[in-house]
Amino acid sequence: GSALLQAALFGFCFGVMAVYLVVIGDILAGAPGAANGLISEVFGVRSGPALVRSNCILAVAACVCAPLVALRDISKLSVFNILGVGAVMLLAAAAGLLGLTAVITGVAHAPPVVPNLAAFGDTPVKVAMGMAGVLPIILNCYVGHQSIHGIMGMLTPYSAKEMKAVCAGALAMGCVIFLVLGLGSVAAFGPAVDSNILNNLSASGMAPLIGSQAASVLSVVVRGGFLVSLLGSFALLMFPLRTCLIELLWGKQLAAAGSGAAKAAVTAQIEARHYPLLTYGILASTLATAVLVPDIWAALSIVGDLASTMQAFVVPGLIGLALVAGKHLATTDVEGSAKGSGLQRVMALLVLGLGVALFGNGILQRVMA
């Protein structure tokens, strides 16, 4: 069970880091052939190797990411947590502003009432599988298991009640941000919404709504801020990813060390001994993945289908079943321990079943493709 969880965490963190590099490349280079990236808007470059996304990714990885991931103290990157939240809120605010402007000026696009079923396939089976395949992509936005222990350590004094409040607040904030971002983008751009909304938030994309001068400034501020936050988030994800890899590769040695402080000490020794190899091996692997992935949708789809479903549904479902079987779950919320265990078992089975179904759908879609 521990190995499965570590593998899921590793897959999610690895995939998200590759996605970050893809998005960074899109921010700098812009959409293919459109010359609407930050390089074009800030430096006036209209064509050439500087606007090739893979070249941008390689340059950023070598010149920025490589020095950042060399930092061994995560506290030195804590400022990027604040920048990350601020950048996402600014992105949502910009999309909301554009949508509101479109409504006021009478050019807003109505949000679709039902999905475009034809986009998912030409048979009912393909349509059903395609719609199910969208769910894990959305799930990526709400998976934060890899950060949970770090957050628990920041709560002083720690309490389960406060931790639940933090999780509920984070989920609520995420829902609001993505709702504003989605509705605002659809209202402003309609069918032209790109799979990477940052491509729409270019100066040329926003100029028809707010004018060229305001669009130029807003584009650099929003996308530049998001670029900085992505670089910091990339470095921050290296810490849980490196720990997961150590757990997977040196699992027997860590198990022999026991738990608690003894295990932490052995983990620290292994990390110190192999730090450069682990760190830059991960960087090279995520870089190669980002260069090979055709677009952000493909990357998010793979991460959602395989890692997010495992991390958010399959593993928690298995843990829930194990806890119920071992009589470890509290049943004070439901009258009678037998009734409580039965309800918890049903919920665990539902969570597990949903995860297995989404995971299987993702595998089947890849085989059919």
Protein backbone atom coordinates (compact mmCIF):
# COMPACT_ATOMS: atom_id res chain seq x y z
CA GLY A 1 0.00 0.00 0.00
CA SER A 2 2.79 2.41 0.85
CA ALA A 3 4.57 1.67 -2.43
CA LEU A 4 1.34 2.25 -4.36
CA LEU A 5 0.80 5.59 -2.66
CA GLN A 6 4.39 6.66 -3.27
CA ALA A 7 4.10 5.64 -6.93
CA ALA A 8 0.90 7.68 -7.28
CA LEU A 9 2.50 10.71 -5.62
CA PHE A 10 5.57 10.33 -7.80
CA GLY A 11 3.47 10.11 -10.98
CA PHE A 12 1.42 13.15 -10.05
CA CYS A 13 4.37 15.35 -9.06
CA PHE A 14 6.40 14.25 -12.09
CA GLY A 15 3.51 14.89 -14.46
CA VAL A 16 2.67 18.28 -12.98
CA MET A 17 6.32 19.37 -13.19
CA ALA A 18 6.32 18.42 -16.89
CA VAL A 19 3.05 20.36 -17.32
CA TYR A 20 4.65 23.41 -15.68
CA LEU A 21 7.48 23.31 -18.21
CA VAL A 22 5.00 23.01 -21.09
CA VAL A 23 3.03 26.02 -19.80
CA ILE A 24 6.25 28.01 -19.32
CA GLY A 25 7.15 27.26 -22.93
CA ASP A 26 3.70 28.42 -24.09
CA ILE A 27 3.93 31.63 -22.06
CA LEU A 28 7.29 32.52 -23.60
CA ALA A 29 6.78 31.32 -27.18
CA GLY A 30 3.02 31.76 -27.49
CA ALA A 31 0.72 29.71 -29.69
CA PRO A 32 2.47 28.14 -32.73
CA GLY A 33 2.69 30.67 -35.55
CA ALA A 34 0.89 33.40 -33.60
CA ALA A 35 3.94 35.19 -32.14
CA ASN A 36 1.87 36.16 -29.10
CA GLY A 37 4.16 34.99 -26.30
CA LEU A 38 6.05 37.17 -23.85
CA ILE A 39 9.19 37.02 -26.00
CA SER A 40 7.30 38.57 -28.91
CA GLU A 41 5.43 41.13 -26.81
CA VAL A 42 8.41 42.29 -24.75
CA PHE A 43 11.29 41.98 -27.22
CA GLY A 44 9.45 42.25 -30.55
CA VAL A 45 10.68 38.93 -31.92
CA ARG A 46 8.25 37.71 -34.57
CA SER A 47 9.92 34.50 -35.79
CA GLY A 48 12.95 32.30 -35.40
CA PRO A 49 14.28 29.69 -32.94
CA ALA A 50 13.44 31.90 -29.93
CA LEU A 51 9.74 31.23 -30.58
CA VAL A 52 10.09 27.44 -30.70
CA ARG A 53 8.49 26.10 -27.52
CA SER A 54 11.01 23.29 -27.03
CA ASN A 55 13.89 25.79 -27.26
CA CYS A 56 12.24 27.98 -24.61
CA ILE A 57 11.75 25.01 -22.32
CA LEU A 58 15.36 23.90 -22.71
CA ALA A 59 16.68 27.41 -22.02
CA VAL A 60 14.52 27.89 -18.92
CA ALA A 61 15.40 24.45 -17.56
CA ALA A 62 19.13 25.06 -17.98
CA CYS A 63 19.32 28.69 -16.88
CA VAL A 64 16.61 28.95 -14.21
CA CYS A 65 15.33 25.57 -13.06
CA ALA A 66 18.75 23.97 -12.66
CA PRO A 67 19.97 26.58 -10.13
CA LEU A 68 16.61 26.64 -8.30
CA VAL A 69 16.46 22.89 -7.70
CA ALA A 70 20.00 23.01 -6.28
CA LEU A 71 18.58 24.70 -3.16
CA ARG A 72 18.35 22.17 -0.34
CA ASP A 73 16.37 24.34 2.07
CA ILE A 74 12.68 24.50 1.15
CA SER A 75 12.20 27.59 3.37
CA LYS A 76 14.19 29.62 0.83
CA LEU A 77 11.41 28.94 -1.69
CA SER A 78 8.51 29.78 0.64
CA VAL A 79 7.98 33.16 -1.03
CA PHE A 80 6.87 31.29 -4.14
CA ASN A 81 3.87 29.93 -2.21
CA ILE A 82 2.61 33.48 -1.82
CA LEU A 83 3.48 34.37 -5.40
CA GLY A 84 1.73 31.25 -6.66
CA VAL A 85 -1.56 32.01 -4.91
CA GLY A 86 -1.34 35.65 -5.97
CA ALA A 87 -0.64 34.76 -9.59
CA VAL A 88 -3.59 32.36 -9.78
CA MET A 89 -5.94 34.91 -8.20
CA LEU A 90 -4.67 37.58 -10.61
CA LEU A 91 -5.24 35.21 -13.54
CA ALA A 92 -8.81 34.54 -12.43
CA ALA A 93 -9.43 38.27 -11.81
CA ALA A 94 -8.17 39.12 -15.32
CA ALA A 95 -10.45 36.51 -16.89
CA GLY A 96 -13.37 37.74 -14.80
CA LEU A 97 -12.67 41.34 -15.82
CA LEU A 98 -12.53 40.38 -19.50
CA GLY A 99 -15.79 38.44 -19.21
CA LEU A 100 -17.50 41.34 -17.45
CA THR A 101 -16.22 43.76 -20.10
CA ALA A 102 -17.59 41.50 -22.82
CA VAL A 103 -20.99 41.45 -21.09
CA ILE A 104 -21.08 45.24 -20.66
CA THR A 105 -20.08 45.89 -24.28
CA GLY A 106 -22.57 43.36 -25.62
CA VAL A 107 -20.06 40.96 -27.19
CA ALA A 108 -20.13 38.21 -24.56
CA HIS A 109 -20.43 34.59 -25.57
CA ALA A 110 -23.03 32.50 -23.77
CA PRO A 111 -21.58 29.52 -21.87
CA PRO A 112 -22.54 26.19 -23.45
CA VAL A 113 -25.49 24.54 -21.72
CA VAL A 114 -24.44 21.01 -22.70
CA PRO A 115 -21.06 19.59 -23.81
CA ASN A 116 -20.19 19.39 -27.49
CA LEU A 117 -20.70 15.64 -27.74
CA ALA A 118 -19.30 15.43 -31.28
CA ALA A 119 -15.92 16.54 -29.94
CA PHE A 120 -15.66 13.33 -27.89
CA GLY A 121 -16.24 10.83 -30.69
CA ASP A 122 -18.62 9.49 -33.31
CA THR A 123 -20.20 6.68 -31.27
CA PRO A 124 -22.04 6.67 -27.92
CA VAL A 125 -19.28 4.57 -26.37
CA LYS A 126 -16.55 6.99 -27.46
CA VAL A 127 -18.61 9.95 -26.25
CA ALA A 128 -19.11 8.36 -22.83
CA MET A 129 -15.42 7.48 -22.54
CA GLY A 130 -14.37 10.95 -23.67
CA MET A 131 -16.62 12.68 -21.14
CA ALA A 132 -15.35 10.39 -18.38
CA GLY A 133 -11.81 11.24 -19.47
CA VAL A 134 -12.42 14.93 -18.74
CA LEU A 135 -13.13 14.28 -15.06
CA PRO A 136 -9.54 13.32 -14.12
CA ILE A 137 -8.26 16.47 -15.84
CA ILE A 138 -10.53 18.58 -13.65
CA LEU A 139 -9.45 16.45 -10.70
CA ASN A 140 -5.86 17.66 -11.20
CA CYS A 141 -6.95 21.06 -9.89
CA TYR A 142 -8.05 19.68 -6.53
CA VAL A 143 -5.39 17.09 -5.74
CA GLY A 144 -3.00 18.31 -3.06
CA HIS A 145 -2.06 15.13 -1.22
CA GLN A 146 1.65 15.70 -1.86
CA SER A 147 1.53 18.90 0.23
CA ILE A 148 -0.57 17.68 3.14
CA HIS A 149 2.24 16.75 5.53
CA GLY A 150 4.05 20.02 4.93
CA ILE A 151 0.90 21.97 5.75
CA MET A 152 0.28 19.89 8.87
CA GLY A 153 3.74 20.84 10.10
CA MET A 154 2.95 24.54 9.67
CA LEU A 155 -0.12 24.40 11.92
CA THR A 156 1.14 25.18 15.42
CA PRO A 157 -0.40 23.91 17.55
CA TYR A 158 -1.82 21.24 15.27
CA SER A 159 -5.41 20.07 15.56
CA ALA A 160 -7.54 17.87 13.33
CA LYS A 161 -10.33 20.46 13.39
CA GLU A 162 -8.03 23.21 12.14
CA MET A 163 -6.59 20.93 9.46
CA LYS A 164 -10.09 20.15 8.19
CA ALA A 165 -10.84 23.88 8.08
CA VAL A 166 -7.67 24.52 6.06
CA CYS A 167 -8.58 21.77 3.56
CA ALA A 168 -12.16 23.01 3.25
CA GLY A 169 -10.99 26.59 2.77
CA ALA A 170 -8.48 25.59 0.11
CA LEU A 171 -11.07 23.59 -1.81
CA ALA A 172 -13.62 26.40 -1.58
CA MET A 173 -11.06 28.95 -2.78
CA GLY A 174 -10.09 26.66 -5.64
CA CYS A 175 -13.72 26.26 -6.70
CA VAL A 176 -14.29 30.02 -6.74
CA ILE A 177 -11.08 30.72 -8.67
CA PHE A 178 -11.74 28.09 -11.33
CA LEU A 179 -15.39 29.10 -11.67
CA VAL A 180 -14.48 32.76 -12.24
CA LEU A 181 -11.66 31.76 -14.59
CA GLY A 182 -13.88 29.42 -16.61
CA LEU A 183 -16.97 31.62 -16.90
CA GLY A 184 -14.95 34.76 -17.59
CA SER A 185 -12.88 33.06 -20.30
CA VAL A 186 -15.92 31.59 -22.04
CA ALA A 187 -17.76 34.91 -21.93
CA ALA A 188 -14.77 36.78 -23.35
CA PHE A 189 -13.46 34.33 -25.97
CA GLY A 190 -16.25 31.81 -26.60
CA PRO A 191 -15.26 28.97 -28.96
CA ALA A 192 -11.78 30.51 -29.34
CA VAL A 193 -10.80 29.55 -25.77
CA ASP A 194 -7.48 27.74 -25.96
CA SER A 195 -6.68 24.62 -23.94
CA ASN A 196 -4.04 26.86 -22.34
CA ILE A 197 -6.01 29.98 -21.41
CA LEU A 198 -2.77 31.95 -21.08
CA ASN A 199 -2.56 31.97 -24.88
CA ASN A 200 -5.84 33.91 -24.94
CA LEU A 201 -4.53 36.40 -22.40
CA SER A 202 -2.00 37.78 -24.87
CA ALA A 203 -1.99 41.43 -25.88
CA SER A 204 -3.51 40.60 -29.26
CA GLY A 205 -6.14 38.36 -27.68
CA MET A 206 -7.33 40.96 -25.15
CA ALA A 207 -6.97 44.09 -27.30
CA PRO A 208 -10.46 43.86 -28.90
CA LEU A 209 -12.01 43.97 -25.42
CA ILE A 210 -9.90 46.44 -23.44
CA GLY A 211 -7.74 48.24 -26.00
CA SER A 212 -4.15 47.69 -27.13
CA GLN A 213 -2.37 49.66 -24.41
CA ALA A 214 -4.22 48.11 -21.47
CA ALA A 215 -3.97 44.67 -23.07
CA SER A 216 -0.20 44.96 -23.45
CA VAL A 217 0.29 45.87 -19.79
CA LEU A 218 -2.17 43.27 -18.46
CA SER A 219 -0.64 40.53 -20.60
CA VAL A 220 2.88 41.10 -19.26
CA VAL A 221 1.71 41.44 -15.65
CA VAL A 222 -0.58 38.38 -15.62
CA ARG A 223 1.53 36.01 -17.69
CA GLY A 224 4.83 37.27 -16.27
CA GLY A 225 3.57 36.78 -12.72
CA PHE A 226 2.28 33.33 -13.54
CA LEU A 227 5.63 32.46 -15.13
CA VAL A 228 7.48 33.36 -11.93
CA SER A 229 5.06 31.35 -9.79
CA LEU A 230 5.42 28.31 -12.06
CA LEU A 231 9.20 28.41 -11.74
CA GLY A 232 8.91 28.46 -7.96
CA SER A 233 6.26 25.75 -7.92
CA PHE A 234 8.48 23.60 -10.11
CA ALA A 235 11.29 23.85 -7.58
CA LEU A 236 8.93 23.23 -4.64
CA LEU A 237 7.55 20.03 -6.21
CA MET A 238 11.08 18.68 -6.48
CA PHE A 239 11.10 18.07 -2.70
CA PRO A 240 8.14 15.64 -2.44
CA LEU A 241 9.10 14.05 -5.77
CA ARG A 242 12.64 13.36 -4.61
CA THR A 243 11.31 11.92 -1.32
CA CYS A 244 8.90 9.62 -3.19
CA LEU A 245 11.72 8.37 -5.39
CA ILE A 246 13.84 7.60 -2.32
CA GLU A 247 10.91 5.69 -0.77
CA LEU A 248 10.52 3.65 -3.95
CA LEU A 249 14.21 2.91 -4.56
CA TRP A 250 15.37 2.42 -0.96
CA GLY A 251 12.12 1.13 0.53
CA LYS A 252 13.65 -1.96 2.18
CA GLN A 253 16.44 0.03 3.81
CA LEU A 254 13.95 2.58 5.13
CA ALA A 255 11.62 -0.14 6.40
CA ALA A 256 14.49 -1.69 8.31
CA ALA A 257 15.17 1.67 9.96
CA GLY A 258 11.72 1.64 11.51
CA SER A 259 9.67 4.82 11.71
CA GLY A 260 9.76 8.34 13.09
CA ALA A 261 13.09 10.02 13.71
CA ALA A 262 15.13 6.93 12.80
CA LYS A 263 13.52 6.65 9.37
CA ALA A 264 13.83 10.40 8.79
CA ALA A 265 17.53 10.25 9.60
CA VAL A 266 18.15 7.41 7.12
CA THR A 267 16.12 9.24 4.47
CA ALA A 268 18.20 12.39 5.01
CA GLN A 269 21.43 10.40 4.67
CA ILE A 270 20.30 8.80 1.41
CA GLU A 271 19.16 12.16 0.06
CA ALA A 272 22.45 13.87 0.95
CA ARG A 273 24.49 11.07 -0.63
CA HIS A 274 22.55 11.00 -3.90
CA TYR A 275 21.22 14.56 -4.06
CA PRO A 276 22.77 15.66 -7.39
CA LEU A 277 21.92 12.40 -9.16
CA LEU A 278 18.32 12.33 -7.92
CA THR A 279 17.67 16.02 -8.44
CA TYR A 280 19.13 16.45 -11.89
CA GLY A 281 17.95 13.03 -13.02
CA ILE A 282 14.40 14.15 -12.23
CA LEU A 283 14.99 17.50 -13.93
CA ALA A 284 16.30 15.82 -17.09
CA SER A 285 13.38 13.37 -17.15
CA THR A 286 10.70 16.03 -16.73
CA LEU A 287 12.45 18.16 -19.33
CA ALA A 288 12.47 15.33 -21.87
CA THR A 289 8.79 14.64 -21.17
CA ALA A 290 7.82 18.30 -21.58
CA VAL A 291 9.65 18.56 -24.89
CA LEU A 292 7.98 15.43 -26.25
CA VAL A 293 4.42 16.21 -25.10
CA PRO A 294 2.46 17.87 -27.93
CA ASP A 295 0.34 20.20 -25.76
CA ILE A 296 -0.87 20.87 -22.23
CA TRP A 297 -4.13 18.96 -22.75
CA ALA A 298 -2.26 15.74 -23.52
CA ALA A 299 -0.03 16.18 -20.47
CA LEU A 300 -2.90 16.95 -18.09
CA SER A 301 -4.91 14.05 -19.49
CA ILE A 302 -2.16 11.53 -18.80
CA VAL A 303 -1.52 12.89 -15.28
CA GLY A 304 -5.23 12.95 -14.47
CA ASP A 305 -6.04 9.49 -15.83
CA LEU A 306 -3.15 7.67 -14.22
CA ALA A 307 -1.79 9.57 -11.23
CA SER A 308 -4.61 11.77 -9.96
CA THR A 309 -7.24 9.01 -9.95
CA MET A 310 -4.85 6.71 -8.12
CA GLN A 311 -3.86 9.37 -5.61
CA ALA A 312 -7.31 10.82 -4.96
CA PHE A 313 -9.57 7.75 -5.20
CA VAL A 314 -7.90 4.35 -5.41
CA VAL A 315 -5.40 4.67 -2.55
CA PRO A 316 -7.83 6.48 -0.17
CA GLY A 317 -10.46 3.85 -0.96
CA LEU A 318 -8.06 1.03 -0.12
CA ILE A 319 -6.98 2.77 3.07
CA GLY A 320 -10.61 3.25 4.06
CA LEU A 321 -11.38 -0.43 3.56
CA ALA A 322 -8.31 -1.44 5.55
CA LEU A 323 -9.23 0.86 8.42
CA VAL A 324 -12.81 -0.40 8.56
CA ALA A 325 -11.64 -4.00 8.52
CA GLY A 326 -9.23 -3.25 11.35
CA LYS A 327 -11.86 -1.40 13.41
CA HIS A 328 -9.67 1.70 13.46
CA LEU A 329 -12.20 4.19 12.17
CA ALA A 330 -14.13 6.25 14.68
CA THR A 331 -17.86 5.63 14.54
CA THR A 332 -19.05 8.21 17.05
CA ASP A 333 -20.77 10.20 14.32
CA VAL A 334 -23.12 7.32 13.55
CA GLU A 335 -25.16 5.58 16.21
CA GLY A 336 -23.83 2.10 16.73
CA SER A 337 -20.38 0.92 15.72
CA ALA A 338 -21.65 -1.73 13.30
CA LYS A 339 -23.77 0.79 11.41
CA GLY A 340 -20.87 3.22 11.33
CA SER A 341 -18.44 0.63 9.96
CA GLY A 342 -20.98 -0.41 7.34
CA LEU A 343 -21.48 3.16 6.14
CA GLN A 344 -17.75 3.80 6.06
CA ARG A 345 -17.20 0.58 4.13
CA VAL A 346 -19.79 1.61 1.54
CA MET A 347 -18.19 5.03 1.12
CA ALA A 348 -14.74 3.49 0.78
CA LEU A 349 -16.04 1.09 -1.87
CA LEU A 350 -17.69 3.95 -3.78
CA VAL A 351 -14.48 5.99 -3.76
CA LEU A 352 -12.41 2.96 -4.78
CA GLY A 353 -14.87 1.98 -7.52
CA LEU A 354 -14.89 5.48 -9.00
CA GLY A 355 -11.10 5.56 -9.02
CA VAL A 356 -10.78 2.15 -10.67
CA ALA A 357 -13.38 3.11 -13.31
CA LEU A 358 -11.63 6.40 -14.18
CA PHE A 359 -8.21 4.76 -14.15
CA GLY A 360 -9.42 1.94 -16.39
CA ASN A 361 -11.12 4.39 -18.75
CA GLY A 362 -7.86 6.29 -19.12
CA ILE A 363 -5.88 3.14 -19.90
CA LEU A 364 -8.52 1.98 -22.40
CA GLN A 365 -8.55 5.34 -24.17
CA ARG A 366 -4.77 5.19 -24.58
CA VAL A 367 -4.91 1.64 -25.95
CA MET A 368 -7.65 2.59 -28.42
CA ALA A 369 -5.72 5.70 -29.49
